[in-house]
Structure formats: C-alpha cells, structure tokens
Protein backbone atom coordinates (compact mmCIF):
# COMPACT_ATOMS: atom_id res chain seq x y z
CA MET A 1 272.90 61.15 248.71
CA ALA A 2 269.35 59.64 247.85
CA ILE A 3 268.24 59.71 251.10
CA ALA A 4 269.32 63.62 251.47
CA VAL A 5 267.80 64.40 248.59
CA GLN A 6 264.43 62.44 249.36
CA ALA A 7 263.96 64.21 252.34
CA LEU A 8 264.92 67.63 251.06
CA THR A 9 262.31 67.45 248.19
CA GLY A 10 259.83 66.64 250.39
CA LEU A 11 260.70 69.63 252.43
CA GLN A 12 260.68 71.50 249.41
CA TYR A 13 257.03 70.96 248.35
CA LEU A 14 255.86 70.78 251.83
CA SER A 15 257.09 74.64 252.41
CA LEU A 16 256.09 75.71 249.13
CA LEU A 17 252.32 73.84 249.38
CA VAL A 18 251.43 75.07 252.57
CA THR A 19 252.89 78.81 252.24
CA ALA A 20 250.84 79.17 248.93
CA GLY A 21 247.62 77.62 250.35
CA LEU A 22 247.69 79.69 253.91
CA LEU A 23 247.79 82.57 251.73
CA LEU A 24 245.39 81.46 249.31
CA CYS A 25 242.81 80.71 251.64
CA ARG A 26 243.23 84.18 253.56
CA VAL A 27 242.36 85.70 250.06
CA THR A 28 239.77 83.65 248.63
CA VAL A 29 238.38 82.00 252.54
CA ALA A 30 239.13 84.39 255.23
CA ARG A 31 237.83 87.55 254.02
CA GLY A 32 236.15 88.40 257.03
CA ARG A 33 237.54 90.85 259.19
CA ASP A 34 237.86 88.19 262.60
CA ALA A 35 239.09 85.30 260.34
CA ALA A 36 241.86 87.78 258.22
CA GLN A 37 243.47 88.59 261.98
CA ALA A 38 243.14 84.95 262.63
CA LEU A 39 245.86 84.16 259.69
CA GLY A 40 247.33 87.51 260.27
CA SER A 41 248.80 87.51 263.61
CA VAL A 42 252.41 87.94 264.59
CA ALA A 43 252.57 83.82 265.03
CA ALA A 44 250.65 83.44 261.68
CA VAL A 45 253.11 85.72 259.62
CA ARG A 46 256.54 84.43 261.81
CA ARG A 47 255.71 80.58 260.56
CA THR A 48 254.80 81.94 257.16
CA ARG A 49 258.27 83.19 256.59
CA VAL A 50 259.56 80.63 258.25
CA LEU A 51 258.27 78.35 255.79
CA ALA A 52 259.25 80.38 252.54
CA SER A 53 263.06 80.51 253.86
CA ALA A 54 262.73 76.81 253.98
CA ALA A 55 261.43 76.60 250.46
CA ALA A 56 264.89 78.89 249.37
CA LEU A 57 266.74 76.65 251.80
CA THR A 58 265.70 73.08 249.88
CA SER A 59 265.56 74.76 246.65
CA VAL A 60 269.93 75.93 246.49
CA ALA A 61 270.36 72.51 248.55
CA LEU A 62 268.57 70.56 245.68
CA MET A 63 270.56 72.64 243.08
CA VAL A 64 273.78 71.81 244.68
CA ALA A 65 272.97 68.14 244.92
CA ALA A 66 272.16 68.19 241.60
CA ALA A 67 275.41 69.98 240.50
CA ILE A 68 277.49 67.57 242.37
CA ASP A 69 275.84 64.41 241.31
CA VAL A 70 276.76 65.99 237.67
CA ALA A 71 280.58 67.06 237.86
CA GLY A 72 281.69 66.05 241.55
CA TRP A 73 282.26 67.93 244.92
CA SER A 74 285.52 69.65 243.70
CA ARG A 75 283.95 70.74 240.91
CA TRP A 76 280.42 71.03 241.73
CA THR A 77 279.90 75.23 240.27
CA ALA A 78 280.27 73.77 236.40
CA GLY A 79 277.85 70.94 237.24
CA ILE A 80 275.22 73.53 237.89
CA ILE A 81 272.01 72.75 235.26
CA PRO A 82 270.18 76.15 233.88
CA GLN A 83 266.57 74.53 235.05
CA GLN A 84 267.96 73.84 239.12
CA LEU A 85 269.24 77.47 238.37
CA ALA A 86 266.14 79.07 237.27
CA ALA A 87 264.18 77.10 239.26
CA ALA A 88 266.37 77.83 242.63
CA VAL A 89 266.37 81.57 241.61
CA LEU A 90 262.04 81.50 241.24
CA VAL A 91 261.58 80.35 244.57
CA GLY A 92 263.92 82.35 246.34
CA THR A 93 262.92 85.52 244.81
CA GLY A 94 259.52 84.30 245.48
CA SER A 95 260.27 83.58 249.35
CA LEU A 96 262.05 86.22 249.93
CA ILE A 97 258.79 88.40 248.50
CA VAL A 98 256.83 86.27 251.44
CA VAL A 99 259.48 87.40 253.74
CA VAL A 100 259.62 91.09 253.27
CA ALA A 101 255.95 91.67 252.27
CA GLY A 102 254.20 90.47 255.64
CA GLY A 103 252.83 87.35 255.34
CA ALA A 104 248.74 87.53 255.36
CA ARG A 105 248.88 91.41 256.65
CA ARG A 106 250.02 91.96 252.83
CA PRO A 107 247.94 89.07 251.34
CA VAL A 108 247.63 90.30 247.44
CA PRO A 109 251.77 90.72 247.21
CA THR A 110 252.69 88.02 249.79
CA LEU A 111 250.35 85.90 247.32
CA ALA A 112 252.03 86.82 244.61
CA GLY A 113 256.10 85.93 245.88
CA ALA A 114 254.51 82.73 247.36
CA LEU A 115 252.52 82.09 243.36
CA LEU A 116 256.30 83.14 241.77
CA GLY A 117 258.00 80.16 244.05
CA LEU A 118 255.40 77.62 243.17
CA LEU A 119 256.43 77.81 239.65
CA GLY A 120 260.22 76.96 240.55
CA PRO A 121 259.41 72.94 240.81
CA ALA A 122 257.68 72.78 237.37
CA LEU A 123 261.36 73.82 235.85
CA THR A 124 262.58 70.91 237.05
CA GLY A 125 260.37 68.44 236.83
CA HIS A 126 258.77 66.50 233.71
CA SER A 127 257.50 69.82 232.12
CA VAL A 128 260.33 69.60 230.75
CA SER A 129 261.51 65.84 229.76
CA VAL A 130 257.85 64.36 228.50
CA GLY A 131 255.63 65.77 225.35
CA PRO A 132 253.88 67.73 224.67
CA ARG A 133 255.64 70.22 226.58
CA PRO A 134 253.38 73.40 226.63
CA LEU A 135 250.28 71.46 227.74
CA MET A 136 252.83 69.32 230.52
CA LEU A 137 253.74 72.49 231.71
CA VAL A 138 249.96 73.90 232.15
CA VAL A 139 248.51 70.76 233.76
CA ASP A 140 251.57 70.65 235.88
CA VAL A 141 251.58 74.26 237.53
CA GLY A 142 247.59 74.04 237.25
CA HIS A 143 248.31 70.58 239.90
CA LEU A 144 250.57 72.14 241.84
CA LEU A 145 248.36 75.08 242.36
CA ALA A 146 245.09 72.57 243.66
CA GLY A 147 247.60 70.75 245.57
CA ALA A 148 248.44 73.83 247.53
CA PHE A 149 244.81 75.02 248.03
CA TRP A 150 244.03 71.63 249.52
CA THR A 151 247.22 71.37 251.46
CA GLY A 152 247.41 74.68 252.93
CA GLY A 153 243.96 75.88 252.54
CA LEU A 154 243.11 73.20 254.27
CA ILE A 155 245.33 74.12 257.51
CA GLY A 156 244.68 77.61 257.26
CA THR A 157 240.85 77.00 257.32
CA VAL A 158 241.38 74.80 260.46
CA ALA A 159 243.58 77.90 262.44
CA VAL A 160 240.58 80.07 261.31
CA ILE A 161 238.19 77.87 262.66
CA ALA A 162 239.48 77.54 265.94
CA ALA A 163 239.83 81.02 266.84
CA LEU A 164 236.61 81.71 265.34
CA ARG A 165 235.23 79.74 267.60
CA SER A 166 236.90 80.49 270.47
CA ASP A 167 236.33 84.05 270.09
CA GLY A 168 232.39 83.23 269.96
CA THR A 169 232.04 84.50 266.36
CA ALA A 170 230.26 81.17 265.18
CA GLU A 171 228.52 82.64 262.20
CA GLU A 172 231.86 84.10 260.35
CA ALA A 173 232.99 80.56 261.19
CA VAL A 174 230.18 78.70 259.09
CA VAL A 175 231.23 81.09 256.33
CA VAL A 176 234.11 80.63 256.48
CA ILE A 177 233.85 76.47 255.93
CA ARG A 178 231.37 76.68 253.33
CA ARG A 179 233.53 79.05 251.29
CA PHE A 180 236.25 76.25 251.63
CA SER A 181 234.59 73.52 251.35
CA SER A 182 233.16 74.59 247.49
CA ALA A 183 236.59 75.29 246.61
CA ALA A 184 238.26 72.31 247.78
CA LEU A 185 235.82 70.39 246.02
CA VAL A 186 236.61 72.41 242.88
CA SER A 187 240.55 71.55 243.98
CA VAL A 188 240.22 67.65 243.99
CA LEU A 189 238.45 67.54 240.73
CA VAL A 190 241.17 69.73 239.05
CA LEU A 191 244.14 67.24 240.62
CA ALA A 192 242.05 64.18 239.76
CA VAL A 193 242.06 65.74 236.18
CA SER A 194 245.07 66.63 235.99
CA GLY A 195 247.15 64.20 238.01
CA GLY A 196 245.50 61.28 235.58
CA LEU A 197 246.47 62.80 232.28
CA MET A 198 250.23 63.44 233.55
CA THR A 199 249.83 59.80 234.28
CA VAL A 200 248.76 59.20 230.83
CA LEU A 201 251.29 60.90 228.97
CA ILE A 202 254.27 59.91 230.99
CA LEU A 203 253.92 56.00 231.56
CA ASP A 204 254.84 53.41 229.38
CA ALA A 205 252.35 50.89 230.06
CA PRO A 206 249.79 50.65 232.37
CA ALA A 207 251.71 47.34 233.71
CA ALA A 208 254.61 50.10 235.20
CA LEU A 209 252.69 51.30 237.93
CA VAL A 210 253.16 47.98 239.61
CA THR A 211 256.07 47.10 237.79
CA THR A 212 257.99 50.01 238.72
CA GLY A 213 259.11 51.63 241.91
CA TRP A 214 257.68 54.98 240.82
CA GLY A 215 254.29 53.12 239.98
CA ARG A 216 253.84 51.27 243.00
CA ALA A 217 254.78 54.72 245.53
CA LEU A 218 252.20 56.30 242.97
CA LEU A 219 249.90 53.89 243.72
CA LEU A 220 250.66 53.94 247.88
CA LYS A 221 250.42 57.87 247.70
CA LEU A 222 247.25 57.89 245.72
CA SER A 223 245.61 55.17 248.28
CA VAL A 224 246.91 58.29 251.42
CA VAL A 225 244.83 60.70 248.86
CA GLY A 226 242.01 58.24 248.98
CA VAL A 227 241.40 57.89 252.31
CA ALA A 228 242.12 61.90 252.12
CA VAL A 229 238.90 62.48 250.04
CA GLY A 230 237.01 60.13 251.98
CA LEU A 231 237.13 61.98 254.98
CA ALA A 232 236.51 65.48 253.06
CA ALA A 233 233.17 63.52 251.79
CA TRP A 234 232.33 62.49 255.21
CA ASN A 235 232.97 66.57 256.53
CA ARG A 236 230.90 67.70 253.43
CA THR A 237 227.53 65.47 253.60
CA ARG A 238 227.22 64.55 256.90
CA LEU A 239 228.65 67.26 259.09
CA LEU A 240 229.28 70.11 256.84
CA PRO A 241 224.72 70.57 256.37
CA ALA A 242 224.56 70.92 260.33
CA ILE A 243 227.14 73.32 261.34
CA ALA A 244 224.25 76.15 261.08
CA THR A 245 222.20 74.39 263.91
CA ALA A 246 222.54 74.67 267.76
CA ASP A 247 224.45 71.39 268.33
CA ALA A 248 226.35 71.81 265.21
CA PRO A 249 229.31 69.11 265.46
CA TRP A 250 232.26 72.04 265.54
CA GLU A 251 234.61 69.93 267.53
CA ARG A 252 233.71 66.56 265.12
CA LEU A 253 234.33 68.59 262.19
CA LEU A 254 237.78 70.28 262.98
CA ARG A 255 239.17 66.56 264.14
CA ILE A 256 238.12 64.98 260.80
CA MET A 257 239.84 68.21 258.93
CA ARG A 258 243.26 67.86 261.25
CA ARG A 259 243.56 64.20 260.22
CA GLU A 260 243.08 65.32 256.82
CA ALA A 261 245.10 67.67 256.72
CA VAL A 262 247.92 65.29 258.89
CA LEU A 263 247.26 63.06 255.36
CA LEU A 264 247.80 65.23 253.13
CA LEU A 265 251.01 66.14 255.46
CA GLY A 266 252.36 62.56 254.65
CA VAL A 267 251.58 62.56 250.53
CA LEU A 268 254.21 65.22 250.57
CA VAL A 269 256.75 62.62 252.55
CA VAL A 270 256.13 60.37 249.77
CA THR A 271 256.41 62.47 247.10
CA GLY A 272 260.42 62.99 248.31
CA VAL A 273 260.62 59.72 247.54
CA LEU A 274 257.95 59.28 244.26
CA VAL A 275 259.75 62.26 242.39
CA ASN A 276 263.46 60.80 242.53
CA LEU A 277 262.36 57.65 241.11
CA SER A 278 262.21 56.51 237.53
CA PRO A 279 258.57 55.81 235.42
CA HIS A 280 260.52 53.38 233.28
CA GLU A 281 261.39 49.81 233.94
CA SER A 282 264.89 49.44 234.57
CA PRO A 283 267.40 47.17 232.56
CA PRO A 284 268.37 43.84 234.15
CA GLY A 285 271.82 44.43 235.92
CA GLY A 286 272.06 47.70 234.45
CA ALA A 287 272.63 51.20 236.42
CA LEU A 288 268.78 51.31 237.04
CA GLY A 289 268.68 48.21 239.04
CA ASN A 290 268.14 50.24 242.00
CA GLY A 291 264.70 51.43 240.91
CA GLN A 292 266.03 55.01 240.16
CA SER A 293 266.54 56.87 237.35
CA PRO A 294 270.51 58.11 236.87
CA VAL A 295 269.42 61.49 235.92
CA GLY A 296 266.96 61.74 238.55
CA ALA A 297 264.25 63.48 236.52
CA GLN A 298 262.16 65.39 239.25
CA GLU A 299 258.20 64.92 239.52
CA THR A 300 256.31 67.97 240.22
CA MET A 301 253.04 66.75 241.40
CA PRO A 302 252.74 66.43 245.54
CA ILE A 303 249.30 65.48 245.22
CA ALA A 304 247.10 63.46 242.89
CA ALA A 305 248.77 61.34 239.51
CA SER A 306 251.99 62.35 238.46
CA GLY A 307 255.04 61.37 237.10
CA VAL A 308 258.49 62.39 235.84
CA GLY A 309 260.95 62.95 232.74
CA GLY A 310 262.64 59.79 231.83
CA PRO A 311 265.84 59.13 231.99
CA GLY A 312 268.06 60.12 228.82
CA GLU A 313 265.34 62.06 227.39
CA PRO A 314 266.27 65.28 225.74
CA GLY A 315 266.38 68.10 228.29
CA ALA A 316 265.65 65.74 231.53
CA PRO A 317 267.03 67.45 234.70
CA ARG A 318 270.13 65.85 236.96
CA MET A 319 269.24 65.12 239.91
CA ALA A 320 271.86 63.20 242.58
CA PRO A 321 270.68 59.51 242.71
C-alpha cells in the first residue's frame, strides 16, 4: 500500500502542477498570437485534459486509500476523512472545469479550474496540522503556485519556443523567454522563502534533517532543486543575453531548459515518497520504526523545503502507511 500511495501522490502533484503551470504560462508568458496558438493547439488541449483527468483520479484514489487505512477494506466508506473528501471535491471540480473549458484556448476559465484543483493538497497536509494554521495555509498555497509556474511554466515555455523557432518567428520567441525568465526568478525566490519558513515551523530540531527519513528525503529533493537552479542561472546569465544576436544559441538554451524540466519532474517523484514520511523521530522498536508516519500526514510542497503534520497532532489527516 505504501508504494502505491507514494506513486499516486507523485502522479497527483505532477498532474496538478503541470496543468496549472501550463495555463499560467499561457496567461502570463505566451500572450502573443503565435505563442498562444502553440499552447492552444488540439494536441496541447488534449494533453491538458489528460493531466486534469489524472489529477482527479489520483485524488479520489488517495481518499479511498486513506479511508481503507482507517476502517479497512470492508468498511472503507466509513473511514472517509473530511479533509480528504474536501480535497477530492476541489481537485475533481477544478479538473472538470479544465476539461470542459477547453484548455489554453479559453485560458481564463480553464486557469481558474486548475488553480481551484491546486488548493486540494493544501487541505490534507501540514497546513491543517501545524500551527499557526492560517500562516501555514497561506504559505502552503503560495508555495504550490510558485512551484506550479516553475515546473509547468518551464515545460510550456520550451514548447512555445520550439514552435516559434520552427515557424521562423524568432522575435516573439525572444519576448517569451525573457518574460518567463523574469517570472521564474520570482517563483524561485517565493519557493525559497516559503519552503524555509515551513521547514522551520515543522521540524522539531535541525538534526531531524539527517536523523529522519523525511529529512533525508528533503535533502535529496533540495539537491535536485539546486542543480535545476544552477541550470536556470546559467541560462539567465550566459545564454539569455545572447538570444537577440544573429547567432543566438537557441538549441543550447532549449537543451538546458529541457534538462531543467526533467529535474523538476524528478523532484515530484521524490515528493511522492517524501509526503508520506514523518518529520519526527521514531521511537525505538515502536510503530514508527519504518520511518513512516502512522497517520501518513501529507506534505503539500513539491518543489522546495516543506513538511508534514506530525503523528498524533490534532487535525492531522490519516493516509495509508
């Protein structure tokens, strides 16, 4: 069950963040006619709908898994947790709006649905189990939004630039990459501040970073993020200034951006494991000897430093071990 929950969690974050990020890219970065067409093609709309559907299905599956962990297979409906149900409703409703609204062809209503779904994970994680709860919830949502833009926005920008380059519209490609670079810098700063704040609020002590499975997984995730930030910094300082020249290094720029995107998707895979671990010390020989939380309180932050609600804390949601 634990491996299945981790896989479902990773898939949920991937689908939610990439969907929202692609639509944020369409609204904030790909505003020109040709750029908008690149993200509004039939194939692009189909992929967005598939991602939204995957988010809804994984949210329901995680709710069922949590209910089974509470009440068992035979009476799982009696174990449905209000937070999990609310999260599934938000994700499902948001995904339905994305599917019906038509993807990037109608970006405003579709983005509204994607952002609604993005709120779902915040109802099942440390925002409801670690205080001060209002602060945690605000920081949590901000972190999700910034992570969505960096991940999905990067993927969308790569697709737009590749399409514009093949059509010979290099001038619009320059505008797109500069817009994304500026917005992505803000996103990374938001991720760093919000992630650091949540880590301080969640961890019992700095030593937990190396003495708990959650801390070690977090360090692994931050290491991957660090490499991605390094690639982004190289593009911004070395390649971006040269893109308006006659011999602009477009192929090299796109190659590094694709590698950055792969790293960020890898972060989501690590998150699928991280969110189901406890940030607290396990008692020797106790129920936490395997390093997992008995309530499986779920982390909501897929990009930078973040955490989960502690086992046994009031309001902590229960997930499959």
